[in-house]
């Protein structure tokens, strides 16, 4: 049944995300899940990102996680992707996108999220919790801007802590280079509450879930030289991008070729 043939929900008064009904679990009735399937859940809202730098930071974060776990197929990393977790939220998002007159205030999804112990070969346009055996993101990254900072550090943090129970949550001030600190991180404790992560001497935060340090790096990405959030190995080595790996290999090949030319020149001189 098409969405337009269904009884439309009322125009919603916005409420903070953590006030949604109890999140869906996979034990709910087949009728409830069938009704949700009829919603034809959207995977995008047509809203552009605030700026190109946010897009680069999101893509960089995804690439680096994929680079670290290139030999694994049991994880999924999503960026700027819808995450559906309750009937109320799913209906509100669907209604807001189908009716341009409604303000788009309902939670859509994080900037970047990681889920482990899932089929990593499956293609997804959105993350639907009740279609993923109740799996929620285990790690979430939000990149703060003046327009999103307040909600990322309050409403969303509460949602990820209380409803998603996401084990680690990181926020990075990618726009404001004056703010100190620029990187924040929390991990769920045994009582299910977020506890701030303590930075090391470099200001990096350890991610138990990723087994990586989360820190900053100054350099050029997409023709913009500035500070970026990057990952470091347990030994403190910068996790390279594919471009950096290719450049390192090219430099090594050139060095080896130069050494070979020098050796040949030496042998010719001796003869």
Protein backbone atom coordinates (compact mmCIF):
# COMPACT_ATOMS: atom_id res chain seq x y z
CA UNK A 1 0.00 0.00 0.00
CA UNK A 2 1.41 3.40 -0.91
CA UNK A 3 2.00 6.00 1.74
CA UNK A 4 -0.59 8.31 0.22
CA UNK A 5 -3.28 5.63 0.69
CA UNK A 6 -2.67 5.35 4.40
CA UNK A 7 -4.35 7.35 7.12
CA UNK A 8 -2.04 10.30 7.57
CA UNK A 9 -0.75 11.01 11.08
CA UNK A 10 -1.69 14.31 12.67
CA UNK A 11 0.55 17.32 12.35
CA UNK A 12 3.08 16.74 15.06
CA UNK A 13 4.19 19.09 17.76
CA UNK A 14 7.95 18.66 18.05
CA UNK A 15 9.23 16.85 21.10
CA UNK A 16 12.80 15.97 22.03
CA UNK A 17 13.93 12.67 20.57
CA UNK A 18 14.26 10.88 23.90
CA UNK A 19 10.56 11.48 24.57
CA UNK A 20 9.58 9.18 21.71
CA UNK A 21 7.73 6.01 22.63
CA UNK A 22 9.75 3.01 23.76
CA UNK A 23 12.08 2.07 20.89
CA UNK A 24 11.13 -0.88 18.75
CA UNK A 25 12.41 -4.31 19.60
CA UNK A 26 12.23 -7.34 17.37
CA UNK A 27 9.61 -9.03 19.58
CA UNK A 28 6.88 -6.61 18.48
CA UNK A 29 3.92 -8.05 16.63
CA UNK A 30 4.08 -8.88 12.94
CA UNK A 31 1.18 -6.50 12.39
CA UNK A 32 3.18 -3.60 13.82
CA UNK A 33 6.19 -4.41 11.67
CA UNK A 34 3.98 -4.80 8.61
CA UNK A 35 2.47 -1.37 9.25
CA UNK A 36 5.95 0.10 9.47
CA UNK A 37 6.94 -1.57 6.22
CA UNK A 38 4.02 0.18 4.51
CA UNK A 39 5.48 3.54 5.43
CA UNK A 40 8.11 3.17 2.69
CA UNK A 41 10.65 4.86 4.93
CA UNK A 42 12.58 7.66 3.21
CA UNK A 43 16.36 7.47 3.00
CA UNK A 44 16.94 11.17 2.34
CA UNK A 45 15.25 14.51 2.80
CA UNK A 46 16.91 16.56 0.09
CA UNK A 47 18.48 18.88 2.65
CA UNK A 48 22.08 19.84 1.73
CA UNK A 49 24.91 19.73 4.25
CA UNK A 50 25.83 23.02 5.85
CA UNK A 51 29.18 23.22 4.07
CA UNK A 52 31.67 21.26 2.00
CA UNK A 53 34.05 20.84 4.93
CA UNK A 54 31.48 18.80 6.86
CA UNK A 55 31.07 16.50 3.86
CA UNK A 56 34.86 16.04 3.61
CA UNK A 57 35.13 15.26 7.35
CA UNK A 58 32.31 12.70 7.16
CA UNK A 59 33.82 10.99 4.11
CA UNK A 60 37.29 11.05 5.69
CA UNK A 61 36.03 9.39 8.87
CA UNK A 62 34.29 6.63 6.93
CA UNK A 63 37.31 6.03 4.69
CA UNK A 64 39.69 5.72 7.64
CA UNK A 65 37.49 3.21 9.47
CA UNK A 66 37.20 1.17 6.27
CA UNK A 67 40.97 1.40 5.87
CA UNK A 68 41.58 0.07 9.38
CA UNK A 69 39.10 -2.76 8.94
CA UNK A 70 39.73 -3.56 5.26
CA UNK A 71 40.00 -7.28 6.03
CA UNK A 72 36.67 -7.44 7.91
CA UNK A 73 33.13 -7.98 6.64
CA UNK A 74 31.29 -7.94 9.98
CA UNK A 75 30.68 -4.21 10.40
CA UNK A 76 28.79 -1.32 8.82
CA UNK A 77 29.75 2.34 8.84
CA UNK A 78 27.23 4.94 7.69
CA UNK A 79 27.48 8.65 7.10
CA UNK A 80 24.72 11.26 6.87
CA UNK A 81 22.27 8.33 6.84
CA UNK A 82 18.80 8.00 8.36
CA UNK A 83 18.51 5.79 11.46
CA UNK A 84 15.00 4.56 12.30
CA UNK A 85 14.38 3.26 15.81
CA UNK A 86 10.70 3.73 16.79
CA UNK A 87 7.24 3.78 15.22
CA UNK A 88 6.67 7.36 16.38
CA UNK A 89 9.95 8.62 14.95
CA UNK A 90 9.46 6.71 11.67
CA UNK A 91 5.99 8.18 11.16
CA UNK A 92 7.12 11.70 12.04
CA UNK A 93 10.06 11.58 9.61
CA UNK A 94 7.84 10.18 6.85
CA UNK A 95 5.16 12.81 7.46
CA UNK A 96 7.67 15.68 7.50
CA UNK A 97 9.25 14.63 4.22
CA UNK A 98 5.93 13.99 2.48
CA UNK A 99 4.51 17.32 3.66
CA UNK A 100 6.85 20.25 2.87
CA UNK A 101 4.82 22.52 5.17
CA UNK A 102 5.93 20.57 8.25
CA UNK A 103 9.16 21.73 9.92
CA UNK A 104 11.91 19.12 9.64
CA UNK A 105 12.73 18.80 13.34
CA UNK A 106 12.56 15.05 13.98
CA UNK A 107 15.80 13.13 14.47
CA UNK A 108 17.14 11.69 11.20
CA UNK A 109 20.53 10.24 12.05
CA UNK A 110 24.12 10.95 13.14
CA UNK A 111 26.91 12.32 10.98
CA UNK A 112 28.79 9.00 11.20
CA UNK A 113 27.92 5.77 13.00
CA UNK A 114 29.49 2.32 13.31
CA UNK A 115 27.76 -1.00 13.99
CA UNK A 116 29.76 -4.19 14.54
CA UNK A 117 28.77 -7.85 14.34
CA UNK A 118 26.48 -7.35 11.33
CA UNK A 119 26.58 -8.36 7.66
CA UNK A 120 28.99 -5.84 6.19
CA UNK A 121 28.38 -6.99 2.62
CA UNK A 122 24.74 -5.96 2.65
CA UNK A 123 23.98 -2.67 0.89
CA UNK A 124 21.90 -0.22 2.92
CA UNK A 125 20.39 3.17 2.12
CA UNK A 126 19.22 3.66 5.72
CA UNK A 127 19.60 1.90 9.06
CA UNK A 128 16.34 0.40 10.30
CA UNK A 129 16.78 -1.06 13.78
CA UNK A 130 13.91 -3.55 13.56
CA UNK A 131 15.33 -4.91 10.29
CA UNK A 132 18.77 -5.34 11.88
CA UNK A 133 17.88 -7.67 14.78
CA UNK A 134 17.59 -4.69 17.11
CA UNK A 135 21.15 -3.52 16.51
CA UNK A 136 21.90 0.13 17.34
CA UNK A 137 25.11 2.01 16.52
CA UNK A 138 27.98 1.17 18.86
CA UNK A 139 29.96 4.32 18.05
CA UNK A 140 28.64 7.69 16.88
CA UNK A 141 30.43 10.82 15.65
CA UNK A 142 28.85 14.25 15.38
CA UNK A 143 30.67 17.20 13.81
CA UNK A 144 29.60 20.38 15.55
CA UNK A 145 28.67 23.59 13.79
CA UNK A 146 27.11 26.76 15.23
CA UNK A 147 23.64 25.58 14.17
CA UNK A 148 23.96 21.98 15.45
CA UNK A 149 26.27 22.29 18.45
CA UNK A 150 23.58 22.83 21.06
CA UNK A 151 21.46 19.88 20.01
CA UNK A 152 24.44 17.56 19.44
CA UNK A 153 25.62 18.13 23.01
CA UNK A 154 22.18 17.90 24.63
CA UNK A 155 19.21 16.29 22.84
CA UNK A 156 21.24 13.90 20.70
CA UNK A 157 23.62 13.01 23.51
CA UNK A 158 20.63 12.08 25.67
CA UNK A 159 19.09 10.05 22.84
CA UNK A 160 22.30 8.10 22.23
CA UNK A 161 22.78 7.49 25.96
CA UNK A 162 19.24 6.58 27.05
CA UNK A 163 17.60 5.10 23.96
CA UNK A 164 20.35 3.88 21.62
CA UNK A 165 22.68 3.04 24.52
CA UNK A 166 25.50 3.72 22.08
CA UNK A 167 28.67 2.66 23.85
CA UNK A 168 30.82 5.58 22.65
CA UNK A 169 29.92 9.07 21.48
CA UNK A 170 32.38 11.58 20.02
CA UNK A 171 31.85 15.24 19.07
CA UNK A 172 34.32 17.35 17.12
CA UNK A 173 34.31 21.15 16.74
CA UNK A 174 35.31 21.14 13.09
CA UNK A 175 34.31 24.77 12.42
CA UNK A 176 35.70 26.68 15.40
CA UNK A 177 39.48 26.47 15.81
CA UNK A 178 39.41 28.78 18.85
CA UNK A 179 37.34 26.51 21.10
CA UNK A 180 39.37 24.34 23.50
CA UNK A 181 38.90 21.46 23.74
CA UNK A 182 37.64 20.79 20.24
CA UNK A 183 37.18 17.05 20.74
CA UNK A 184 34.76 15.49 23.24
CA UNK A 185 34.09 11.83 23.96
CA UNK A 186 31.96 9.73 26.29
CA UNK A 187 31.62 6.04 27.04
CA UNK A 188 28.74 4.23 28.75
CA UNK A 189 29.57 3.05 32.24
CA UNK A 190 28.16 -0.02 33.99
CA UNK A 191 25.11 2.00 35.07
CA UNK A 192 24.33 3.01 31.48
CA UNK A 193 25.43 6.64 31.84
CA UNK A 194 27.95 8.52 29.73
CA UNK A 195 31.28 9.21 31.40
CA UNK A 196 33.70 11.68 29.76
CA UNK A 197 36.81 10.14 28.22
CA UNK A 198 40.13 11.45 29.52
CA UNK A 199 42.51 12.71 26.82
CA UNK A 200 46.16 11.69 26.65
CA UNK A 201 49.06 14.16 26.45
CA UNK A 202 48.33 14.82 22.77
CA UNK A 203 44.68 15.51 23.51
CA UNK A 204 43.57 12.26 21.85
CA UNK A 205 40.72 10.10 23.15
CA UNK A 206 40.90 6.30 23.17
CA UNK A 207 38.05 4.43 21.48
CA UNK A 208 37.65 1.02 23.05
CA UNK A 209 35.14 0.06 20.35
CA UNK A 210 37.39 0.99 17.42
CA UNK A 211 40.69 0.19 19.16
CA UNK A 212 41.98 3.51 17.85
CA UNK A 213 42.94 6.91 19.18
CA UNK A 214 40.68 9.76 18.04
CA UNK A 215 42.63 12.97 17.61
CA UNK A 216 43.45 15.94 15.41
CA UNK A 217 45.74 16.35 12.41
CA UNK A 218 46.73 19.47 10.51
CA UNK A 219 47.04 19.10 6.77
CA UNK A 220 45.37 19.28 3.38
CA UNK A 221 42.19 17.44 2.50
CA UNK A 222 40.13 18.23 -0.60
CA UNK A 223 42.27 21.32 -1.28
CA UNK A 224 41.65 22.74 2.21
CA UNK A 225 44.49 22.94 4.72
CA UNK A 226 43.20 23.02 8.27
CA UNK A 227 42.64 20.82 11.33
CA UNK A 228 40.80 17.54 10.77
CA UNK A 229 39.66 14.74 13.05
CA UNK A 230 41.81 11.69 12.33
CA UNK A 231 42.56 8.28 13.83
CA UNK A 232 45.82 7.00 15.28
CA UNK A 233 46.83 3.41 16.01
CA UNK A 234 47.50 2.13 19.52
CA UNK A 235 51.19 2.90 18.84
CA UNK A 236 50.43 6.49 17.86
CA UNK A 237 50.79 6.07 14.09
CA UNK A 238 48.47 8.13 11.90
CA UNK A 239 45.96 5.97 10.02
CA UNK A 240 46.58 6.90 6.37
CA UNK A 241 44.04 7.55 3.65
CA UNK A 242 44.17 5.66 0.35
CA UNK A 243 45.73 8.73 -1.27
CA UNK A 244 48.41 8.91 1.40
CA UNK A 245 49.16 5.20 1.01
CA UNK A 246 49.54 5.65 -2.75
CA UNK A 247 51.83 8.65 -2.22
CA UNK A 248 53.95 6.70 0.28
CA UNK A 249 54.28 3.79 -2.16
CA UNK A 250 55.20 6.14 -4.99
CA UNK A 251 57.81 7.86 -2.83
CA UNK A 252 59.24 4.50 -1.77
CA UNK A 253 59.38 3.29 -5.37
CA UNK A 254 61.13 6.49 -6.44
CA UNK A 255 63.64 6.16 -3.59
CA UNK A 256 64.37 2.56 -4.57
CA UNK A 257 64.75 3.57 -8.22
CA UNK A 258 67.12 6.39 -7.25
CA UNK A 259 69.18 3.98 -5.13
CA UNK A 260 69.35 1.55 -8.05
CA UNK A 261 70.47 4.29 -10.44
CA UNK A 262 73.15 5.36 -7.99
CA UNK A 263 74.39 1.78 -7.65
CA UNK A 264 74.51 1.31 -11.43
CA UNK A 265 76.42 4.57 -11.79
CA UNK A 266 78.91 3.42 -9.15
CA UNK A 267 79.44 0.08 -10.91
CA UNK A 268 79.98 1.77 -14.27
CA UNK A 269 82.54 4.09 -12.71
CA UNK A 270 84.41 1.14 -11.18
CA UNK A 271 84.53 -0.61 -14.55
